[in-house]
Amino acid sequence: MDGAEPTRSILDRVEQRRVDYSAVGGVGEEEKEESTVTTANEDRVGDSIDSAGELNESTNLLEFVAGLVIKAIGFQLNLFFYFITCPFWILYCFYMLVVDPFGAIRRGRGFIARKLVSLWNFVGGFFGSYIDDWLKEHKTILSLLMQFGWGLFWSCYVCVILCGLLVFAVMLSGLLMRYLVEEPIQIRQDFEF
């Protein structure tokens, strides 16, 4: 009975399609036969689509692996580029911090502001209304945190400048001691008692 049941369901589906095709626009007998042939052709197309799906899966896997290889090569090139340019960029930032501290502070503040805005937009998408309500209620805490952060920034700036002056003083004193100061004259005499 199990073998007869799938056959009946297939026949029922074919008959259902005949009825569906004949119901659309008053189709005659000859067209019913074409629909039966069409149903048989659709099954063949379905088989070829299944085999093509297997082919597409292997093609998709191949495209995926090729994409990963291209991304790996791009990552290596970016890493190589950053290893070359990063030391120069760090030296430039330190130089600009010493030469023009307020300009460096403006650029740093702009960079931090951009990062905080992007973080705020990301977090704001999830918790936007809750954060706005909390900030409206706690403006004094926010201003206190801003003052604390500003004081911490200036104390770090003073620390960097003082450490730089310390290193400069040690180097300068070493150079002065080596080249400007003469070696002391040592006189050795034997004492006889």
C-alpha atoms as a PDB file:
ATOM      1  CA  MET A   1       0.000   0.000   0.000  1.00  0.00           C
ATOM      2  CA  ASP A   2       2.869   2.359   0.650  1.00  0.00           C
ATOM      3  CA  GLY A   3       4.051   2.125  -2.963  1.00  0.00           C
ATOM      4  CA  ALA A   4       0.546   2.828  -4.293  1.00  0.00           C
ATOM      5  CA  GLU A   5       0.081   5.872  -2.091  1.00  0.00           C
ATOM      6  CA  PRO A   6       2.846   8.043  -3.668  1.00  0.00           C
ATOM      7  CA  THR A   7       1.555   7.085  -7.121  1.00  0.00           C
ATOM      8  CA  ARG A   8      -1.950   8.208  -6.191  1.00  0.00           C
ATOM      9  CA  SER A   9      -0.666  11.508  -4.860  1.00  0.00           C
ATOM     10  CA  ILE A  10       1.242  12.137  -8.103  1.00  0.00           C
ATOM     11  CA  LEU A  11      -1.823  11.288 -10.157  1.00  0.00           C
ATOM     12  CA  ASP A  12      -3.930  13.540  -7.926  1.00  0.00           C
ATOM     13  CA  ARG A  13      -1.506  16.411  -8.477  1.00  0.00           C
ATOM     14  CA  VAL A  14      -1.567  15.902 -12.257  1.00  0.00           C
ATOM     15  CA  GLU A  15      -5.355  15.790 -12.225  1.00  0.00           C
ATOM     16  CA  GLN A  16      -5.451  18.901 -10.027  1.00  0.00           C
ATOM     17  CA  ARG A  17      -3.272  20.748 -12.523  1.00  0.00           C
ATOM     18  CA  ARG A  18      -5.562  19.690 -15.348  1.00  0.00           C
ATOM     19  CA  VAL A  19      -8.493  21.090 -13.443  1.00  0.00           C
ATOM     20  CA  ASP A  20      -6.564  24.312 -12.647  1.00  0.00           C
ATOM     21  CA  TYR A  21      -5.595  24.817 -16.291  1.00  0.00           C
ATOM     22  CA  SER A  22      -9.097  24.109 -17.549  1.00  0.00           C
ATOM     23  CA  ALA A  23     -10.602  26.486 -15.023  1.00  0.00           C
ATOM     24  CA  VAL A  24      -8.524  29.369 -16.340  1.00  0.00           C
ATOM     25  CA  GLY A  25     -10.329  30.853 -19.321  1.00  0.00           C
ATOM     26  CA  GLY A  26     -12.358  27.765 -20.435  1.00  0.00           C
ATOM     27  CA  VAL A  27      -9.597  25.573 -21.832  1.00  0.00           C
ATOM     28  CA  GLY A  28     -10.647  22.664 -24.131  1.00  0.00           C
ATOM     29  CA  GLU A  29      -9.669  19.002 -24.257  1.00  0.00           C
ATOM     30  CA  GLU A  30      -6.647  19.475 -26.490  1.00  0.00           C
ATOM     31  CA  GLU A  31      -5.144  21.934 -24.111  1.00  0.00           C
ATOM     32  CA  LYS A  32      -5.658  19.509 -21.236  1.00  0.00           C
ATOM     33  CA  GLU A  33      -3.388  17.075 -23.002  1.00  0.00           C
ATOM     34  CA  GLU A  34      -0.760  19.770 -23.441  1.00  0.00           C
ATOM     35  CA  SER A  35      -0.915  20.566 -19.781  1.00  0.00           C
ATOM     36  CA  THR A  36      -0.275  16.927 -18.987  1.00  0.00           C
ATOM     37  CA  VAL A  37       2.766  16.994 -21.238  1.00  0.00           C
ATOM     38  CA  THR A  38       3.784  20.254 -19.632  1.00  0.00           C
ATOM     39  CA  THR A  39       3.519  18.635 -16.216  1.00  0.00           C
ATOM     40  CA  ALA A  40       5.806  15.843 -17.344  1.00  0.00           C
ATOM     41  CA  ASN A  41       8.245  18.395 -18.744  1.00  0.00           C
ATOM     42  CA  GLU A  42       8.119  20.366 -15.503  1.00  0.00           C
ATOM     43  CA  ASP A  43       9.181  17.256 -13.580  1.00  0.00           C
ATOM     44  CA  ARG A  44      12.158  16.828 -15.900  1.00  0.00           C
ATOM     45  CA  VAL A  45      13.013  20.468 -15.494  1.00  0.00           C
ATOM     46  CA  GLY A  46      12.733  19.992 -11.747  1.00  0.00           C
ATOM     47  CA  ASP A  47      15.220  17.141 -11.912  1.00  0.00           C
ATOM     48  CA  SER A  48      17.641  19.221 -13.921  1.00  0.00           C
ATOM     49  CA  ILE A  49      17.131  22.121 -11.521  1.00  0.00           C
ATOM     50  CA  ASP A  50      18.040  19.854  -8.600  1.00  0.00           C
ATOM     51  CA  SER A  51      21.213  18.723 -10.352  1.00  0.00           C
ATOM     52  CA  ALA A  52      21.967  22.345 -11.257  1.00  0.00           C
ATOM     53  CA  GLY A  53      21.424  23.265  -7.594  1.00  0.00           C
ATOM     54  CA  GLU A  54      24.117  20.803  -6.610  1.00  0.00           C
ATOM     55  CA  LEU A  55      26.371  22.366  -9.232  1.00  0.00           C
ATOM     56  CA  ASN A  56      25.567  25.843  -7.882  1.00  0.00           C
ATOM     57  CA  GLU A  57      26.409  24.710  -4.350  1.00  0.00           C
ATOM     58  CA  SER A  58      29.883  23.615  -5.452  1.00  0.00           C
ATOM     59  CA  THR A  59      30.229  26.830  -7.486  1.00  0.00           C
ATOM     60  CA  ASN A  60      29.109  28.868  -4.484  1.00  0.00           C
ATOM     61  CA  LEU A  61      31.679  27.088  -2.316  1.00  0.00           C
ATOM     62  CA  LEU A  62      34.358  27.820  -4.888  1.00  0.00           C
ATOM     63  CA  GLU A  63      33.344  31.482  -5.047  1.00  0.00           C
ATOM     64  CA  PHE A  64      33.337  31.636  -1.239  1.00  0.00           C
ATOM     65  CA  VAL A  65      36.866  30.193  -1.002  1.00  0.00           C
ATOM     66  CA  ALA A  66      38.087  32.545  -3.749  1.00  0.00           C
ATOM     67  CA  GLY A  67      36.548  35.488  -1.867  1.00  0.00           C
ATOM     68  CA  LEU A  68      38.316  34.423   1.335  1.00  0.00           C
ATOM     69  CA  VAL A  69      41.657  34.212  -0.494  1.00  0.00           C
ATOM     70  CA  ILE A  70      41.163  37.688  -1.962  1.00  0.00           C
ATOM     71  CA  LYS A  71      40.242  39.087   1.460  1.00  0.00           C
ATOM     72  CA  ALA A  72      43.323  37.441   3.016  1.00  0.00           C
ATOM     73  CA  ILE A  73      45.589  38.998   0.386  1.00  0.00           C
ATOM     74  CA  GLY A  74      43.964  42.400   0.930  1.00  0.00           C
ATOM     75  CA  PHE A  75      44.418  42.060   4.694  1.00  0.00           C
ATOM     76  CA  GLN A  76      48.107  41.230   4.249  1.00  0.00           C
ATOM     77  CA  LEU A  77      48.632  44.235   1.985  1.00  0.00           C
ATOM     78  CA  ASN A  78      46.871  46.537   4.466  1.00  0.00           C
ATOM     79  CA  LEU A  79      48.951  45.126   7.318  1.00  0.00           C
ATOM     80  CA  PHE A  80      52.170  45.654   5.339  1.00  0.00           C
ATOM     81  CA  PHE A  81      51.137  49.225   4.527  1.00  0.00           C
ATOM     82  CA  TYR A  82      50.330  50.002   8.174  1.00  0.00           C
ATOM     83  CA  PHE A  83      53.617  48.505   9.398  1.00  0.00           C
ATOM     84  CA  ILE A  84      55.479  50.891   7.098  1.00  0.00           C
ATOM     85  CA  THR A  85      53.409  54.048   7.676  1.00  0.00           C
ATOM     86  CA  CYS A  86      52.521  53.685  11.362  1.00  0.00           C
ATOM     87  CA  PRO A  87      55.971  54.594  12.794  1.00  0.00           C
ATOM     88  CA  PHE A  88      56.114  57.724  10.635  1.00  0.00           C
ATOM     89  CA  TRP A  89      52.574  58.674  11.675  1.00  0.00           C
ATOM     90  CA  ILE A  90      53.410  58.225  15.384  1.00  0.00           C
ATOM     91  CA  LEU A  91      56.579  60.339  15.038  1.00  0.00           C
ATOM     92  CA  TYR A  92      54.567  63.037  13.243  1.00  0.00           C
ATOM     93  CA  CYS A  93      51.922  63.050  16.006  1.00  0.00           C
ATOM     94  CA  PHE A  94      54.542  63.391  18.753  1.00  0.00           C
ATOM     95  CA  TYR A  95      56.322  66.126  16.823  1.00  0.00           C
ATOM     96  CA  MET A  96      53.075  68.047  16.343  1.00  0.00           C
ATOM     97  CA  LEU A  97      52.222  67.571  20.029  1.00  0.00           C
ATOM     98  CA  VAL A  98      55.473  69.236  21.044  1.00  0.00           C
ATOM     99  CA  VAL A  99      55.502  71.932  18.343  1.00  0.00           C
ATOM    100  CA  ASP A 100      51.800  72.829  18.314  1.00  0.00           C
ATOM    101  CA  PRO A 101      50.089  71.335  21.371  1.00  0.00           C
ATOM    102  CA  PHE A 102      46.803  73.187  20.891  1.00  0.00           C
ATOM    103  CA  GLY A 103      46.539  72.115  17.240  1.00  0.00           C
ATOM    104  CA  ALA A 104      47.255  68.538  18.239  1.00  0.00           C
ATOM    105  CA  ILE A 105      44.641  68.836  20.961  1.00  0.00           C
ATOM    106  CA  ARG A 106      42.104  70.136  18.412  1.00  0.00           C
ATOM    107  CA  ARG A 107      42.829  67.246  16.040  1.00  0.00           C
ATOM    108  CA  GLY A 108      42.712  64.734  18.878  1.00  0.00           C
ATOM    109  CA  ARG A 109      39.463  66.202  20.158  1.00  0.00           C
ATOM    110  CA  GLY A 110      37.965  66.011  16.654  1.00  0.00           C
ATOM    111  CA  PHE A 111      39.079  62.386  16.277  1.00  0.00           C
ATOM    112  CA  ILE A 112      37.677  61.411  19.660  1.00  0.00           C
ATOM    113  CA  ALA A 113      34.454  63.307  18.919  1.00  0.00           C
ATOM    114  CA  ARG A 114      34.022  61.404  15.621  1.00  0.00           C
ATOM    115  CA  LYS A 115      34.595  58.076  17.345  1.00  0.00           C
ATOM    116  CA  LEU A 116      32.192  58.954  20.151  1.00  0.00           C
ATOM    117  CA  VAL A 117      29.526  60.079  17.669  1.00  0.00           C
ATOM    118  CA  SER A 118      29.809  56.819  15.737  1.00  0.00           C
ATOM    119  CA  LEU A 119      29.632  54.881  19.013  1.00  0.00           C
ATOM    120  CA  TRP A 120      26.683  57.009  20.119  1.00  0.00           C
ATOM    121  CA  ASN A 121      24.863  56.328  16.844  1.00  0.00           C
ATOM    122  CA  PHE A 122      25.518  52.608  17.212  1.00  0.00           C
ATOM    123  CA  VAL A 123      24.359  52.453  20.823  1.00  0.00           C
ATOM    124  CA  GLY A 124      21.601  54.993  20.207  1.00  0.00           C
ATOM    125  CA  GLY A 125      20.016  52.649  17.710  1.00  0.00           C
ATOM    126  CA  PHE A 126      19.413  50.144  20.484  1.00  0.00           C
ATOM    127  CA  PHE A 127      18.898  52.270  23.589  1.00  0.00           C
ATOM    128  CA  GLY A 128      18.280  55.768  22.186  1.00  0.00           C
ATOM    129  CA  SER A 129      15.170  56.789  24.108  1.00  0.00           C
ATOM    130  CA  TYR A 130      16.410  55.398  27.429  1.00  0.00           C
ATOM    131  CA  ILE A 131      19.758  57.220  27.180  1.00  0.00           C
ATOM    132  CA  ASP A 132      18.124  60.542  26.243  1.00  0.00           C
ATOM    133  CA  ASP A 133      15.819  60.352  29.246  1.00  0.00           C
ATOM    134  CA  TRP A 134      18.716  59.493  31.570  1.00  0.00           C
ATOM    135  CA  LEU A 135      20.853  62.380  30.252  1.00  0.00           C
ATOM    136  CA  LYS A 136      18.018  64.859  30.722  1.00  0.00           C
ATOM    137  CA  GLU A 137      17.679  63.805  34.353  1.00  0.00           C
ATOM    138  CA  HIS A 138      21.432  63.746  35.147  1.00  0.00           C
ATOM    139  CA  LYS A 139      22.902  66.854  33.497  1.00  0.00           C
ATOM    140  CA  THR A 140      24.962  67.758  36.578  1.00  0.00           C
ATOM    141  CA  ILE A 141      26.604  64.326  36.629  1.00  0.00           C
ATOM    142  CA  LEU A 142      27.419  64.659  32.950  1.00  0.00           C
ATOM    143  CA  SER A 143      29.018  68.090  33.422  1.00  0.00           C
ATOM    144  CA  LEU A 144      31.001  66.758  36.400  1.00  0.00           C
ATOM    145  CA  LEU A 145      32.275  63.857  34.277  1.00  0.00           C
ATOM    146  CA  MET A 146      33.248  66.290  31.513  1.00  0.00           C
ATOM    147  CA  GLN A 147      35.249  68.422  33.951  1.00  0.00           C
ATOM    148  CA  PHE A 148      36.898  65.309  35.383  1.00  0.00           C
ATOM    149  CA  GLY A 149      37.838  64.102  31.889  1.00  0.00           C
ATOM    150  CA  TRP A 150      39.211  67.534  30.915  1.00  0.00           C
ATOM    151  CA  GLY A 151      41.349  67.664  34.078  1.00  0.00           C
ATOM    152  CA  LEU A 152      42.606  64.128  33.467  1.00  0.00           C
ATOM    153  CA  PHE A 153      43.556  65.054  29.904  1.00  0.00           C
ATOM    154  CA  TRP A 154      45.556  68.112  30.997  1.00  0.00           C
ATOM    155  CA  SER A 155      47.313  66.179  33.757  1.00  0.00           C
ATOM    156  CA  CYS A 156      48.365  63.540  31.201  1.00  0.00           C
ATOM    157  CA  TYR A 157      49.576  66.310  28.886  1.00  0.00           C
ATOM    158  CA  VAL A 158      51.695  67.858  31.660  1.00  0.00           C
ATOM    159  CA  CYS A 159      53.073  64.399  32.506  1.00  0.00           C
ATOM    160  CA  VAL A 160      54.129  63.812  28.883  1.00  0.00           C
ATOM    161  CA  ILE A 161      55.817  67.218  28.672  1.00  0.00           C
ATOM    162  CA  LEU A 162      57.662  66.719  31.981  1.00  0.00           C
ATOM    163  CA  CYS A 163      58.851  63.237  30.977  1.00  0.00           C
ATOM    164  CA  GLY A 164      60.077  64.674  27.685  1.00  0.00           C
ATOM    165  CA  LEU A 165      61.962  67.417  29.538  1.00  0.00           C
ATOM    166  CA  LEU A 166      63.489  64.806  31.866  1.00  0.00           C
ATOM    167  CA  VAL A 167      64.777  62.728  28.950  1.00  0.00           C
ATOM    168  CA  PHE A 168      66.094  65.854  27.231  1.00  0.00           C
ATOM    169  CA  ALA A 169      67.868  66.973  30.435  1.00  0.00           C
ATOM    170  CA  VAL A 170      69.514  63.561  30.906  1.00  0.00           C
ATOM    171  CA  MET A 171      70.739  63.517  27.315  1.00  0.00           C
ATOM    172  CA  LEU A 172      72.010  67.113  27.476  1.00  0.00           C
ATOM    173  CA  SER A 173      73.821  66.570  30.759  1.00  0.00           C
ATOM    174  CA  GLY A 174      75.422  63.393  29.373  1.00  0.00           C
ATOM    175  CA  LEU A 175      76.678  65.279  26.335  1.00  0.00           C
ATOM    176  CA  LEU A 176      77.964  68.145  28.464  1.00  0.00           C
ATOM    177  CA  MET A 177      79.802  65.815  30.824  1.00  0.00           C
ATOM    178  CA  ARG A 178      81.386  63.899  27.985  1.00  0.00           C
ATOM    179  CA  TYR A 179      82.590  66.762  25.776  1.00  0.00           C
ATOM    180  CA  LEU A 180      82.909  69.907  27.900  1.00  0.00           C
ATOM    181  CA  VAL A 181      84.216  68.723  31.212  1.00  0.00           C
ATOM    182  CA  GLU A 182      87.837  67.681  31.292  1.00  0.00           C
ATOM    183  CA  GLU A 183      88.995  64.652  33.127  1.00  0.00           C
ATOM    184  CA  PRO A 184      90.410  65.508  36.529  1.00  0.00           C
ATOM    185  CA  ILE A 185      94.179  65.524  36.899  1.00  0.00           C
ATOM    186  CA  GLN A 186      95.385  62.781  39.135  1.00  0.00           C
ATOM    187  CA  ILE A 187      98.791  63.134  40.725  1.00  0.00           C
ATOM    188  CA  ARG A 188     100.282  60.117  42.332  1.00  0.00           C
ATOM    189  CA  GLN A 189     103.116  60.488  44.719  1.00  0.00           C
ATOM    190  CA  ASP A 190     104.667  57.978  46.921  1.00  0.00           C
ATOM    191  CA  PHE A 191     104.934  58.987  50.511  1.00  0.00           C
ATOM    192  CA  GLU A 192     107.873  57.718  52.505  1.00  0.00           C
ATOM    193  CA  PHE A 193     107.781  57.944  56.212  1.00  0.00           C
END
